[in-house]
């Protein structure tokens, strides 16, 4: 089994050591390299091409937001998971706008962090449930959403799985429906909610806290 390759970026050695022990204890992932400042993190990420970069927001040389924004422009396939002590809504919004796929607090459990790593590595997103519940990541005016027709429960399930990065075939298998039916639900969602891309779907789901549900 091919293991997920991770790059850990944090200016505190004790944090990196703890993360390394946690990650390397998993059968499906390993730490590829570590970085103690933003510039080193960016350089190693471009050079080594890890599956996931786990990075703190507060870093010497370049902060986590600068690294994330630069890296996503240069290497969009590398997933970025922000691991931080910052519990403010603004930091969450800025990380999301910088195109980070995840945002986890350092106060979270190890199992939550590992789940977040796996979620973003598989093409999904993972944002801290508490902060998402507070901010709802309101990228658009709230009255615009209020005017939209709410999706049915089955449409909601298709929408959530799509936002998490599942393919039509995988969604069909999970919901015990045909691929054609999945495509029909997606077409309805596009017409009903004006969601034209996966990014639109992710934003819509995040605003409602659906991606933090188990």
N, C-alpha and C. Protein backbone atom coordinates (compact mmCIF):
# COMPACT_ATOMS: atom_id res chain seq x y z
N UNK A 1 0.84 -1.20 0.00
CA UNK A 1 0.00 0.00 0.00
C UNK A 1 0.88 1.25 0.00
N UNK A 2 0.59 2.15 -0.93
CA UNK A 2 1.34 3.40 -1.00
C UNK A 2 0.94 4.31 0.16
N UNK A 3 1.93 4.77 0.89
CA UNK A 3 1.66 5.61 2.04
C UNK A 3 1.56 7.08 1.64
N UNK A 4 0.72 7.82 2.37
CA UNK A 4 0.64 9.26 2.17
C UNK A 4 1.94 9.89 2.64
N UNK A 5 2.48 10.78 1.83
CA UNK A 5 3.74 11.45 2.15
C UNK A 5 3.43 12.83 2.72
N UNK A 6 3.90 13.10 3.94
CA UNK A 6 3.59 14.36 4.61
C UNK A 6 4.84 15.21 4.85
N UNK A 7 4.65 16.51 4.71
CA UNK A 7 5.66 17.49 5.09
C UNK A 7 5.11 18.24 6.29
N UNK A 8 5.86 18.27 7.39
CA UNK A 8 5.43 18.95 8.61
C UNK A 8 6.18 20.27 8.75
N UNK A 9 5.45 21.36 8.92
CA UNK A 9 6.07 22.68 9.05
C UNK A 9 5.58 23.37 10.32
N UNK A 10 6.49 23.52 11.28
CA UNK A 10 6.18 24.20 12.54
C UNK A 10 7.50 24.67 13.13
N UNK A 11 7.51 25.86 13.71
CA UNK A 11 8.77 26.38 14.22
C UNK A 11 9.13 25.84 15.61
N UNK A 12 8.27 25.01 16.18
CA UNK A 12 8.56 24.39 17.47
C UNK A 12 8.95 22.92 17.27
N UNK A 13 10.15 22.58 17.64
CA UNK A 13 10.64 21.22 17.43
C UNK A 13 9.81 20.18 18.17
N UNK A 14 9.39 20.54 19.38
CA UNK A 14 8.62 19.57 20.17
C UNK A 14 7.29 19.25 19.49
N UNK A 15 6.70 20.24 18.81
CA UNK A 15 5.46 19.99 18.08
C UNK A 15 5.72 19.06 16.90
N UNK A 16 6.78 19.32 16.17
CA UNK A 16 7.12 18.46 15.02
C UNK A 16 7.40 17.04 15.47
N UNK A 17 8.10 16.90 16.59
CA UNK A 17 8.42 15.55 17.08
C UNK A 17 7.14 14.79 17.43
N UNK A 18 6.22 15.48 18.10
CA UNK A 18 4.95 14.83 18.44
C UNK A 18 4.15 14.44 17.22
N UNK A 19 4.11 15.33 16.23
CA UNK A 19 3.40 15.04 14.98
C UNK A 19 4.05 13.88 14.24
N UNK A 20 5.38 13.89 14.21
CA UNK A 20 6.09 12.82 13.51
C UNK A 20 5.78 11.45 14.12
N UNK A 21 5.79 11.37 15.45
CA UNK A 21 5.49 10.11 16.12
C UNK A 21 4.06 9.66 15.82
N UNK A 22 3.12 10.61 15.84
CA UNK A 22 1.72 10.28 15.56
C UNK A 22 1.54 9.79 14.13
N UNK A 23 2.12 10.51 13.18
CA UNK A 23 1.96 10.17 11.77
C UNK A 23 2.64 8.85 11.43
N UNK A 24 3.88 8.69 11.87
CA UNK A 24 4.64 7.49 11.51
C UNK A 24 4.09 6.23 12.17
N UNK A 25 3.22 6.39 13.16
CA UNK A 25 2.60 5.23 13.79
C UNK A 25 1.42 4.70 12.97
N UNK A 26 1.03 5.46 11.94
CA UNK A 26 -0.10 5.07 11.09
C UNK A 26 0.38 4.18 9.94
N UNK A 27 -0.37 3.14 9.60
CA UNK A 27 0.06 2.24 8.53
C UNK A 27 -0.03 2.84 7.13
N UNK A 28 -0.80 3.95 7.00
CA UNK A 28 -1.04 4.50 5.67
C UNK A 28 -0.37 5.85 5.42
N UNK A 29 0.51 6.29 6.31
CA UNK A 29 1.17 7.57 6.11
C UNK A 29 2.54 7.62 6.76
N UNK A 30 3.38 8.53 6.25
CA UNK A 30 4.69 8.71 6.86
C UNK A 30 5.15 10.14 6.64
N UNK A 31 6.04 10.60 7.53
CA UNK A 31 6.60 11.94 7.41
C UNK A 31 7.75 11.90 6.42
N UNK A 32 7.61 12.68 5.36
CA UNK A 32 8.63 12.74 4.32
C UNK A 32 9.76 13.68 4.72
N UNK A 33 9.38 14.81 5.33
CA UNK A 33 10.38 15.81 5.75
C UNK A 33 9.72 16.78 6.71
N UNK A 34 10.58 17.63 7.31
CA UNK A 34 10.10 18.65 8.24
C UNK A 34 10.71 20.00 7.89
N UNK A 35 10.05 21.06 8.33
CA UNK A 35 10.56 22.42 8.10
C UNK A 35 10.28 23.26 9.33
N UNK A 36 11.23 24.14 9.66
CA UNK A 36 11.09 24.95 10.87
C UNK A 36 10.74 26.41 10.57
N UNK A 37 10.68 26.79 9.28
CA UNK A 37 10.24 28.14 8.92
C UNK A 37 9.52 28.10 7.58
N UNK A 38 8.86 29.20 7.24
CA UNK A 38 8.03 29.24 6.05
C UNK A 38 8.78 29.04 4.75
N UNK A 39 9.93 29.69 4.62
CA UNK A 39 10.70 29.56 3.38
C UNK A 39 11.17 28.13 3.17
N UNK A 40 11.60 27.50 4.26
CA UNK A 40 12.05 26.11 4.16
C UNK A 40 10.89 25.20 3.80
N UNK A 41 9.71 25.49 4.35
CA UNK A 41 8.52 24.68 4.05
C UNK A 41 8.17 24.78 2.57
N UNK A 42 8.20 25.99 2.02
CA UNK A 42 7.88 26.19 0.61
C UNK A 42 8.90 25.50 -0.28
N UNK A 43 10.17 25.65 0.05
CA UNK A 43 11.24 25.05 -0.74
C UNK A 43 11.13 23.53 -0.75
N UNK A 44 10.94 22.93 0.43
CA UNK A 44 10.86 21.48 0.51
C UNK A 44 9.58 20.94 -0.14
N UNK A 45 8.51 21.69 -0.03
CA UNK A 45 7.26 21.26 -0.66
C UNK A 45 7.41 21.21 -2.17
N UNK A 46 8.02 22.25 -2.75
CA UNK A 46 8.22 22.28 -4.21
C UNK A 46 9.20 21.20 -4.65
N UNK A 47 10.19 20.95 -3.83
CA UNK A 47 11.22 19.97 -4.19
C UNK A 47 10.75 18.54 -4.03
N UNK A 48 10.07 18.24 -2.92
CA UNK A 48 9.72 16.86 -2.57
C UNK A 48 8.32 16.45 -3.02
N UNK A 49 7.45 17.44 -3.27
CA UNK A 49 6.08 17.16 -3.73
C UNK A 49 5.34 16.17 -2.81
N UNK A 50 5.17 16.53 -1.54
CA UNK A 50 4.42 15.66 -0.62
C UNK A 50 2.95 15.63 -1.00
N UNK A 51 2.24 14.65 -0.48
CA UNK A 51 0.78 14.61 -0.69
C UNK A 51 0.09 15.71 0.11
N UNK A 52 0.58 15.91 1.34
CA UNK A 52 -0.05 16.89 2.23
C UNK A 52 1.02 17.69 2.97
N UNK A 53 0.83 19.00 3.01
CA UNK A 53 1.66 19.88 3.83
C UNK A 53 0.84 20.25 5.06
N UNK A 54 1.34 19.90 6.24
CA UNK A 54 0.70 20.30 7.50
C UNK A 54 1.51 21.48 8.04
N UNK A 55 0.88 22.65 8.15
CA UNK A 55 1.64 23.86 8.46
C UNK A 55 0.94 24.74 9.50
N UNK A 56 1.76 25.34 10.36
CA UNK A 56 1.26 26.30 11.33
C UNK A 56 1.10 27.65 10.64
N UNK A 57 0.26 28.52 11.19
CA UNK A 57 0.08 29.85 10.61
C UNK A 57 1.22 30.78 10.99
N UNK A 58 1.68 30.69 12.23
CA UNK A 58 2.74 31.58 12.71
C UNK A 58 4.09 30.90 12.51
N UNK A 59 4.85 31.40 11.52
CA UNK A 59 6.14 30.82 11.16
C UNK A 59 7.14 31.93 10.88
N UNK A 60 8.43 31.71 11.16
CA UNK A 60 9.46 32.69 10.78
C UNK A 60 9.62 32.75 9.26
N UNK A 61 10.21 33.83 8.78
CA UNK A 61 10.53 34.03 7.35
C UNK A 61 9.26 34.28 6.51
N UNK A 62 8.41 33.28 6.41
CA UNK A 62 7.11 33.41 5.73
C UNK A 62 6.06 32.78 6.63
N UNK A 63 4.91 33.45 6.79
CA UNK A 63 3.89 32.83 7.63
C UNK A 63 3.13 31.76 6.85
N UNK A 64 2.31 31.01 7.56
CA UNK A 64 1.61 29.89 6.94
C UNK A 64 0.69 30.30 5.81
N UNK A 65 0.07 31.47 5.92
CA UNK A 65 -0.82 31.93 4.85
C UNK A 65 -0.05 32.24 3.58
N UNK A 66 1.11 32.90 3.72
CA UNK A 66 1.93 33.21 2.55
C UNK A 66 2.41 31.93 1.87
N UNK A 67 2.84 30.98 2.68
CA UNK A 67 3.30 29.70 2.12
C UNK A 67 2.16 29.01 1.39
N UNK A 68 1.00 28.97 2.03
CA UNK A 68 -0.16 28.29 1.43
C UNK A 68 -0.55 28.90 0.10
N UNK A 69 -0.68 30.22 0.08
CA UNK A 69 -1.10 30.91 -1.15
C UNK A 69 -0.08 30.71 -2.27
N UNK A 70 1.20 30.83 -1.94
CA UNK A 70 2.26 30.66 -2.94
C UNK A 70 2.30 29.23 -3.45
N UNK A 71 2.23 28.28 -2.53
CA UNK A 71 2.31 26.87 -2.91
C UNK A 71 1.12 26.45 -3.76
N UNK A 72 -0.07 26.90 -3.42
CA UNK A 72 -1.24 26.51 -4.19
C UNK A 72 -1.21 27.08 -5.60
N UNK A 73 -0.54 28.21 -5.78
CA UNK A 73 -0.38 28.77 -7.12
C UNK A 73 0.65 27.99 -7.93
N UNK A 74 1.70 27.54 -7.26
CA UNK A 74 2.78 26.83 -7.95
C UNK A 74 2.54 25.33 -8.05
N UNK A 75 2.01 24.74 -7.01
CA UNK A 75 1.80 23.29 -6.95
C UNK A 75 0.40 22.99 -6.43
N UNK A 76 -0.62 23.22 -7.23
CA UNK A 76 -2.00 23.09 -6.75
C UNK A 76 -2.38 21.68 -6.31
N UNK A 77 -1.63 20.67 -6.73
CA UNK A 77 -1.97 19.30 -6.37
C UNK A 77 -1.58 18.95 -4.94
N UNK A 78 -0.69 19.74 -4.34
CA UNK A 78 -0.29 19.48 -2.96
C UNK A 78 -1.38 20.01 -2.04
N UNK A 79 -1.90 19.15 -1.18
CA UNK A 79 -2.95 19.55 -0.26
C UNK A 79 -2.33 20.25 0.96
N UNK A 80 -3.01 21.27 1.45
CA UNK A 80 -2.51 22.03 2.59
C UNK A 80 -3.49 21.94 3.75
N UNK A 81 -2.98 21.50 4.90
CA UNK A 81 -3.77 21.42 6.11
C UNK A 81 -3.15 22.35 7.15
N UNK A 82 -3.87 23.37 7.54
CA UNK A 82 -3.39 24.32 8.55
C UNK A 82 -3.63 23.71 9.93
N UNK A 83 -2.57 23.66 10.74
CA UNK A 83 -2.65 23.18 12.11
C UNK A 83 -2.19 24.32 13.01
N UNK A 84 -3.11 24.90 13.76
CA UNK A 84 -2.80 26.14 14.44
C UNK A 84 -3.49 26.25 15.80
N UNK A 85 -2.98 27.16 16.61
CA UNK A 85 -3.62 27.47 17.90
C UNK A 85 -4.61 28.62 17.75
N UNK A 86 -4.65 29.25 16.58
CA UNK A 86 -5.51 30.41 16.35
C UNK A 86 -6.97 29.97 16.18
N UNK A 87 -7.81 30.40 17.10
CA UNK A 87 -9.22 30.02 17.08
C UNK A 87 -10.12 31.16 16.59
N UNK A 88 -9.52 32.17 15.97
CA UNK A 88 -10.33 33.30 15.51
C UNK A 88 -10.89 33.05 14.11
N UNK A 89 -12.04 33.65 13.85
CA UNK A 89 -12.73 33.44 12.59
C UNK A 89 -11.95 34.00 11.41
N UNK A 90 -11.24 35.10 11.62
CA UNK A 90 -10.51 35.73 10.52
C UNK A 90 -9.41 34.82 9.98
N UNK A 91 -8.70 34.14 10.88
CA UNK A 91 -7.64 33.24 10.43
C UNK A 91 -8.21 32.09 9.62
N UNK A 92 -9.36 31.60 10.04
CA UNK A 92 -10.03 30.53 9.29
C UNK A 92 -10.41 31.01 7.90
N UNK A 93 -11.02 32.19 7.82
CA UNK A 93 -11.43 32.74 6.52
C UNK A 93 -10.22 32.96 5.61
N UNK A 94 -9.14 33.52 6.17
CA UNK A 94 -7.95 33.78 5.36
C UNK A 94 -7.33 32.48 4.85
N UNK A 95 -7.33 31.46 5.67
CA UNK A 95 -6.78 30.16 5.24
C UNK A 95 -7.62 29.58 4.12
N UNK A 96 -8.93 29.72 4.24
CA UNK A 96 -9.83 29.22 3.21
C UNK A 96 -9.62 29.98 1.90
N UNK A 97 -9.48 31.30 1.99
CA UNK A 97 -9.26 32.10 0.80
C UNK A 97 -7.91 31.81 0.15
N UNK A 98 -6.93 31.40 0.98
CA UNK A 98 -5.61 31.04 0.45
C UNK A 98 -5.63 29.65 -0.19
N UNK A 99 -6.80 28.99 -0.14
CA UNK A 99 -7.04 27.69 -0.77
C UNK A 99 -6.52 26.51 0.02
N UNK A 100 -6.35 26.69 1.33
CA UNK A 100 -6.03 25.53 2.18
C UNK A 100 -7.23 24.59 2.18
N UNK A 101 -6.96 23.29 2.16
CA UNK A 101 -8.05 22.31 2.15
C UNK A 101 -8.57 21.99 3.55
N UNK A 102 -7.80 22.38 4.58
CA UNK A 102 -8.24 22.05 5.93
C UNK A 102 -7.71 23.02 6.96
N UNK A 103 -8.36 23.04 8.12
CA UNK A 103 -7.99 23.94 9.21
C UNK A 103 -8.31 23.22 10.51
N UNK A 104 -7.28 22.83 11.26
CA UNK A 104 -7.46 22.07 12.50
C UNK A 104 -6.74 22.79 13.63
N UNK A 105 -7.38 22.81 14.79
CA UNK A 105 -6.78 23.46 15.95
C UNK A 105 -5.81 22.51 16.66
N UNK A 106 -4.77 23.09 17.25
CA UNK A 106 -3.80 22.27 17.98
C UNK A 106 -4.40 21.67 19.23
N UNK A 107 -5.54 22.17 19.65
CA UNK A 107 -6.23 21.60 20.81
C UNK A 107 -7.06 20.37 20.44
N UNK A 108 -7.11 20.04 19.14
CA UNK A 108 -7.87 18.88 18.68
C UNK A 108 -7.19 17.59 19.10
N UNK A 109 -7.93 16.51 19.04
CA UNK A 109 -7.36 15.20 19.36
C UNK A 109 -6.51 14.69 18.20
N UNK A 110 -5.66 13.71 18.50
CA UNK A 110 -4.84 13.12 17.45
C UNK A 110 -5.69 12.45 16.38
N UNK A 111 -6.77 11.81 16.79
CA UNK A 111 -7.64 11.14 15.82
C UNK A 111 -8.31 12.13 14.88
N UNK A 112 -8.65 13.33 15.40
CA UNK A 112 -9.24 14.37 14.56
C UNK A 112 -8.24 14.85 13.52
N UNK A 113 -7.00 15.03 13.94
CA UNK A 113 -5.96 15.47 13.01
C UNK A 113 -5.73 14.43 11.92
N UNK A 114 -5.66 13.16 12.31
CA UNK A 114 -5.43 12.09 11.34
C UNK A 114 -6.60 12.01 10.35
N UNK A 115 -7.81 12.20 10.85
CA UNK A 115 -8.98 12.17 9.96
C UNK A 115 -8.92 13.33 8.98
N UNK A 116 -8.47 14.49 9.47
CA UNK A 116 -8.34 15.66 8.59
C UNK A 116 -7.31 15.42 7.51
N UNK A 117 -6.18 14.81 7.87
CA UNK A 117 -5.14 14.51 6.90
C UNK A 117 -5.68 13.60 5.80
N UNK A 118 -6.38 12.57 6.22
CA UNK A 118 -6.92 11.61 5.24
C UNK A 118 -7.99 12.27 4.37
N UNK A 119 -8.82 13.13 4.98
CA UNK A 119 -9.87 13.81 4.22
C UNK A 119 -9.28 14.66 3.09
N UNK A 120 -8.30 15.50 3.43
CA UNK A 120 -7.74 16.39 2.41
C UNK A 120 -6.92 15.62 1.39
N UNK A 121 -6.25 14.56 1.82
CA UNK A 121 -5.45 13.75 0.90
C UNK A 121 -6.32 13.09 -0.15
N UNK A 122 -7.56 12.78 0.22
CA UNK A 122 -8.50 12.13 -0.70
C UNK A 122 -9.27 13.11 -1.56
N UNK A 123 -8.91 14.39 -1.45
CA UNK A 123 -9.57 15.38 -2.29
C UNK A 123 -10.71 16.10 -1.62
N UNK A 124 -10.94 15.83 -0.32
CA UNK A 124 -12.00 16.51 0.39
C UNK A 124 -11.49 17.72 1.15
N UNK A 125 -12.31 18.21 2.05
CA UNK A 125 -11.92 19.34 2.88
C UNK A 125 -12.25 19.01 4.33
N UNK A 126 -11.56 19.68 5.25
CA UNK A 126 -11.80 19.42 6.67
C UNK A 126 -11.50 20.69 7.46
N UNK A 127 -12.55 21.36 7.92
CA UNK A 127 -12.40 22.58 8.70
C UNK A 127 -12.97 22.36 10.10
N UNK A 128 -12.30 22.95 11.09
CA UNK A 128 -12.71 22.77 12.47
C UNK A 128 -14.19 23.05 12.66
N UNK A 129 -14.89 22.10 13.29
CA UNK A 129 -16.34 22.18 13.41
C UNK A 129 -16.79 23.39 14.22
N UNK A 130 -16.08 23.68 15.31
CA UNK A 130 -16.47 24.79 16.17
C UNK A 130 -16.38 26.12 15.45
N UNK A 131 -15.27 26.34 14.74
CA UNK A 131 -15.09 27.61 14.04
C UNK A 131 -16.02 27.74 12.85
N UNK A 132 -16.22 26.64 12.14
CA UNK A 132 -17.14 26.70 11.00
C UNK A 132 -18.54 27.03 11.48
N UNK A 133 -18.91 26.47 12.62
CA UNK A 133 -20.21 26.75 13.18
C UNK A 133 -20.39 28.22 13.52
N UNK A 134 -19.30 28.90 13.90
CA UNK A 134 -19.36 30.31 14.24
C UNK A 134 -19.40 31.20 13.00
N UNK A 135 -18.56 30.87 12.04
CA UNK A 135 -18.40 31.77 10.90
C UNK A 135 -19.31 31.45 9.72
N UNK A 136 -19.58 30.15 9.52
CA UNK A 136 -20.33 29.66 8.36
C UNK A 136 -19.67 30.08 7.05
N UNK A 137 -18.45 30.60 7.15
CA UNK A 137 -17.68 30.98 5.95
C UNK A 137 -18.55 31.71 4.94
N UNK A 138 -19.13 32.83 5.34
CA UNK A 138 -20.07 33.54 4.48
C UNK A 138 -19.35 34.31 3.39
N UNK A 139 -19.02 33.60 2.32
CA UNK A 139 -18.39 34.21 1.16
C UNK A 139 -19.41 35.04 0.36
N UNK A 140 -20.66 34.60 0.38
CA UNK A 140 -21.71 35.30 -0.36
C UNK A 140 -22.68 35.93 0.63
N UNK A 141 -23.49 36.85 0.19
CA UNK A 141 -24.48 37.48 1.07
C UNK A 141 -25.47 36.43 1.54
N UNK A 142 -25.83 36.43 2.83
CA UNK A 142 -26.72 35.40 3.35
C UNK A 142 -28.10 35.41 2.72
N UNK A 143 -28.59 36.56 2.28
CA UNK A 143 -29.93 36.59 1.69
C UNK A 143 -29.97 35.89 0.34
N UNK A 144 -28.81 35.75 -0.31
CA UNK A 144 -28.78 35.02 -1.57
C UNK A 144 -29.09 33.55 -1.33
N UNK A 145 -28.49 32.98 -0.27
CA UNK A 145 -28.75 31.58 0.04
C UNK A 145 -30.19 31.39 0.50
N UNK A 146 -30.72 32.36 1.23
CA UNK A 146 -32.07 32.22 1.75
C UNK A 146 -33.10 32.12 0.64
N UNK A 147 -32.75 32.71 -0.50
CA UNK A 147 -33.68 32.70 -1.63
C UNK A 147 -33.62 31.40 -2.42
N UNK A 148 -32.62 30.58 -2.13
CA UNK A 148 -32.48 29.34 -2.87
C UNK A 148 -33.33 28.24 -2.24
N UNK A 149 -33.80 27.34 -3.05
CA UNK A 149 -34.59 26.22 -2.56
C UNK A 149 -33.67 25.21 -1.90
N UNK A 150 -34.01 24.79 -0.70
CA UNK A 150 -33.18 23.84 0.04
C UNK A 150 -33.19 22.48 -0.66
N UNK A 151 -32.05 21.79 -0.67
CA UNK A 151 -32.01 20.47 -1.31
C UNK A 151 -32.73 19.43 -0.49
N UNK A 152 -33.18 18.38 -1.16
CA UNK A 152 -33.80 17.26 -0.45
C UNK A 152 -32.71 16.50 0.32
N UNK A 153 -33.10 15.56 1.16
CA UNK A 153 -32.12 14.80 1.94
C UNK A 153 -31.18 14.01 1.02
N UNK A 154 -31.72 13.42 -0.04
CA UNK A 154 -30.86 12.66 -0.95
C UNK A 154 -29.94 13.60 -1.73
N UNK A 155 -30.46 14.73 -2.15
CA UNK A 155 -29.62 15.72 -2.83
C UNK A 155 -28.52 16.22 -1.90
N UNK A 156 -28.88 16.41 -0.63
CA UNK A 156 -27.90 16.84 0.36
C UNK A 156 -26.78 15.81 0.49
N UNK A 157 -27.13 14.54 0.52
CA UNK A 157 -26.13 13.47 0.63
C UNK A 157 -25.18 13.48 -0.57
N UNK A 158 -25.74 13.64 -1.75
CA UNK A 158 -24.92 13.70 -2.96
C UNK A 158 -24.01 14.93 -2.92
N UNK A 159 -24.56 16.05 -2.48
CA UNK A 159 -23.80 17.30 -2.40
C UNK A 159 -22.62 17.16 -1.44
N UNK A 160 -22.87 16.59 -0.25
CA UNK A 160 -21.81 16.44 0.76
C UNK A 160 -20.71 15.51 0.25
N UNK A 161 -21.08 14.40 -0.34
CA UNK A 161 -20.07 13.45 -0.83
C UNK A 161 -19.27 14.06 -1.98
N UNK A 162 -19.93 14.84 -2.81
CA UNK A 162 -19.23 15.54 -3.89
C UNK A 162 -18.22 16.53 -3.32
N UNK A 163 -18.65 17.29 -2.31
CA UNK A 163 -17.76 18.26 -1.68
C UNK A 163 -16.56 17.57 -1.04
N UNK A 164 -16.76 16.37 -0.53
CA UNK A 164 -15.67 15.63 0.10
C UNK A 164 -14.72 14.99 -0.91
N UNK A 165 -15.05 15.10 -2.19
CA UNK A 165 -14.12 14.62 -3.21
C UNK A 165 -14.42 13.25 -3.77
N UNK A 166 -15.60 12.67 -3.45
CA UNK A 166 -15.93 11.34 -3.96
C UNK A 166 -16.35 11.43 -5.43
N UNK A 167 -16.02 10.39 -6.19
CA UNK A 167 -16.42 10.32 -7.59
C UNK A 167 -17.88 9.90 -7.69
N UNK A 168 -18.46 10.05 -8.89
CA UNK A 168 -19.85 9.63 -9.10
C UNK A 168 -20.04 8.15 -8.79
N UNK A 169 -19.07 7.33 -9.17
CA UNK A 169 -19.14 5.90 -8.92
C UNK A 169 -19.12 5.60 -7.43
N UNK A 170 -18.25 6.31 -6.69
CA UNK A 170 -18.15 6.10 -5.24
C UNK A 170 -19.42 6.56 -4.54
N UNK A 171 -19.99 7.68 -5.00
CA UNK A 171 -21.23 8.18 -4.42
C UNK A 171 -22.36 7.19 -4.66
N UNK A 172 -22.43 6.67 -5.87
CA UNK A 172 -23.46 5.70 -6.21
C UNK A 172 -23.37 4.47 -5.32
N UNK A 173 -22.15 4.01 -5.08
CA UNK A 173 -21.94 2.83 -4.23
C UNK A 173 -22.37 3.10 -2.79
N UNK A 174 -22.00 4.27 -2.27
CA UNK A 174 -22.34 4.60 -0.88
C UNK A 174 -23.84 4.76 -0.67
N UNK A 175 -24.52 5.31 -1.66
CA UNK A 175 -25.96 5.58 -1.52
C UNK A 175 -26.83 4.49 -2.12
N UNK A 176 -26.18 3.46 -2.70
CA UNK A 176 -26.90 2.34 -3.31
C UNK A 176 -27.84 2.81 -4.42
N UNK A 177 -27.31 3.69 -5.27
CA UNK A 177 -28.06 4.17 -6.43
C UNK A 177 -27.16 4.04 -7.65
N UNK A 178 -27.70 4.30 -8.83
CA UNK A 178 -26.90 4.18 -10.04
C UNK A 178 -26.09 5.45 -10.28
N UNK A 179 -25.04 5.32 -11.08
CA UNK A 179 -24.23 6.47 -11.45
C UNK A 179 -25.08 7.49 -12.19
N UNK A 180 -25.98 7.02 -13.04
CA UNK A 180 -26.85 7.91 -13.78
C UNK A 180 -27.73 8.73 -12.83
N UNK A 181 -28.20 8.09 -11.75
CA UNK A 181 -29.02 8.80 -10.77
C UNK A 181 -28.21 9.88 -10.08
N UNK A 182 -26.95 9.57 -9.76
CA UNK A 182 -26.06 10.55 -9.15
C UNK A 182 -25.92 11.76 -10.07
N UNK A 183 -25.71 11.49 -11.35
CA UNK A 183 -25.57 12.58 -12.32
C UNK A 183 -26.84 13.43 -12.38
N UNK A 184 -28.00 12.77 -12.27
CA UNK A 184 -29.27 13.49 -12.30
C UNK A 184 -29.39 14.41 -11.08
N UNK A 185 -29.02 13.87 -9.90
CA UNK A 185 -29.07 14.69 -8.69
C UNK A 185 -28.14 15.90 -8.81
N UNK A 186 -26.96 15.70 -9.37
CA UNK A 186 -26.02 16.80 -9.53
C UNK A 186 -26.57 17.86 -10.49
N UNK A 187 -27.24 17.42 -11.52
CA UNK A 187 -27.84 18.35 -12.47
C UNK A 187 -28.92 19.17 -11.78
N UNK A 188 -29.73 18.50 -10.96
CA UNK A 188 -30.78 19.21 -10.22
C UNK A 188 -30.17 20.23 -9.25
N UNK A 189 -29.09 19.82 -8.58
CA UNK A 189 -28.44 20.74 -7.64
C UNK A 189 -27.91 21.97 -8.36
N UNK A 190 -27.35 21.75 -9.55
CA UNK A 190 -26.84 22.87 -10.33
C UNK A 190 -27.94 23.84 -10.70
N UNK A 191 -29.09 23.29 -11.08
CA UNK A 191 -30.22 24.14 -11.49
C UNK A 191 -30.87 24.81 -10.28
N UNK A 192 -31.05 24.05 -9.21
CA UNK A 192 -31.78 24.55 -8.05
C UNK A 192 -30.95 25.54 -7.22
N UNK A 193 -29.67 25.23 -7.03
CA UNK A 193 -28.84 26.03 -6.13
C UNK A 193 -27.83 26.91 -6.85
N UNK A 194 -27.80 26.84 -8.18
CA UNK A 194 -26.87 27.64 -8.97
C UNK A 194 -25.42 27.31 -8.61
N UNK A 195 -25.14 26.03 -8.37
CA UNK A 195 -23.78 25.59 -8.05
C UNK A 195 -23.15 25.07 -9.34
N UNK A 196 -22.18 25.83 -9.87
CA UNK A 196 -21.63 25.51 -11.18
C UNK A 196 -20.32 24.74 -11.14
N UNK A 197 -19.70 24.64 -9.97
CA UNK A 197 -18.41 23.95 -9.87
C UNK A 197 -18.31 23.29 -8.51
N UNK A 198 -17.28 22.44 -8.36
CA UNK A 198 -17.08 21.79 -7.07
C UNK A 198 -16.76 22.82 -5.99
N UNK A 199 -16.06 23.89 -6.37
CA UNK A 199 -15.76 24.95 -5.40
C UNK A 199 -17.05 25.57 -4.86
N UNK A 200 -18.03 25.78 -5.75
CA UNK A 200 -19.33 26.30 -5.33
C UNK A 200 -19.99 25.34 -4.34
N UNK A 201 -19.90 24.05 -4.65
CA UNK A 201 -20.51 23.02 -3.80
C UNK A 201 -19.84 23.00 -2.43
N UNK A 202 -18.51 23.08 -2.41
CA UNK A 202 -17.78 23.07 -1.14
C UNK A 202 -18.18 24.27 -0.29
N UNK A 203 -18.24 25.47 -0.90
CA UNK A 203 -18.62 26.67 -0.16
C UNK A 203 -20.03 26.54 0.42
N UNK A 204 -20.94 26.02 -0.39
CA UNK A 204 -22.32 25.87 0.05
C UNK A 204 -22.40 24.93 1.25
N UNK A 205 -21.69 23.81 1.17
CA UNK A 205 -21.71 22.82 2.26
C UNK A 205 -21.03 23.36 3.51
N UNK A 206 -19.94 24.09 3.32
CA UNK A 206 -19.21 24.64 4.47
C UNK A 206 -20.06 25.66 5.23
N UNK A 207 -20.79 26.50 4.49
CA UNK A 207 -21.60 27.52 5.14
C UNK A 207 -22.66 26.92 6.06
N UNK A 208 -23.03 25.68 5.77
CA UNK A 208 -24.05 25.02 6.59
C UNK A 208 -23.47 24.05 7.60
N UNK A 209 -22.14 23.96 7.62
CA UNK A 209 -21.50 23.07 8.60
C UNK A 209 -21.64 21.60 8.26
N UNK A 210 -22.05 21.27 7.03
CA UNK A 210 -22.28 19.88 6.66
C UNK A 210 -20.99 19.07 6.56
N UNK A 211 -19.89 19.70 6.26
CA UNK A 211 -18.64 18.96 6.09
C UNK A 211 -17.98 18.63 7.42
N UNK A 212 -18.54 19.11 8.50
CA UNK A 212 -18.00 18.77 9.82
C UNK A 212 -18.80 17.64 10.46
N UNK A 213 -19.86 17.21 9.79
CA UNK A 213 -20.66 16.11 10.32
C UNK A 213 -19.98 14.80 10.01
N UNK A 214 -20.08 13.84 10.93
CA UNK A 214 -19.45 12.53 10.72
C UNK A 214 -20.26 11.73 9.72
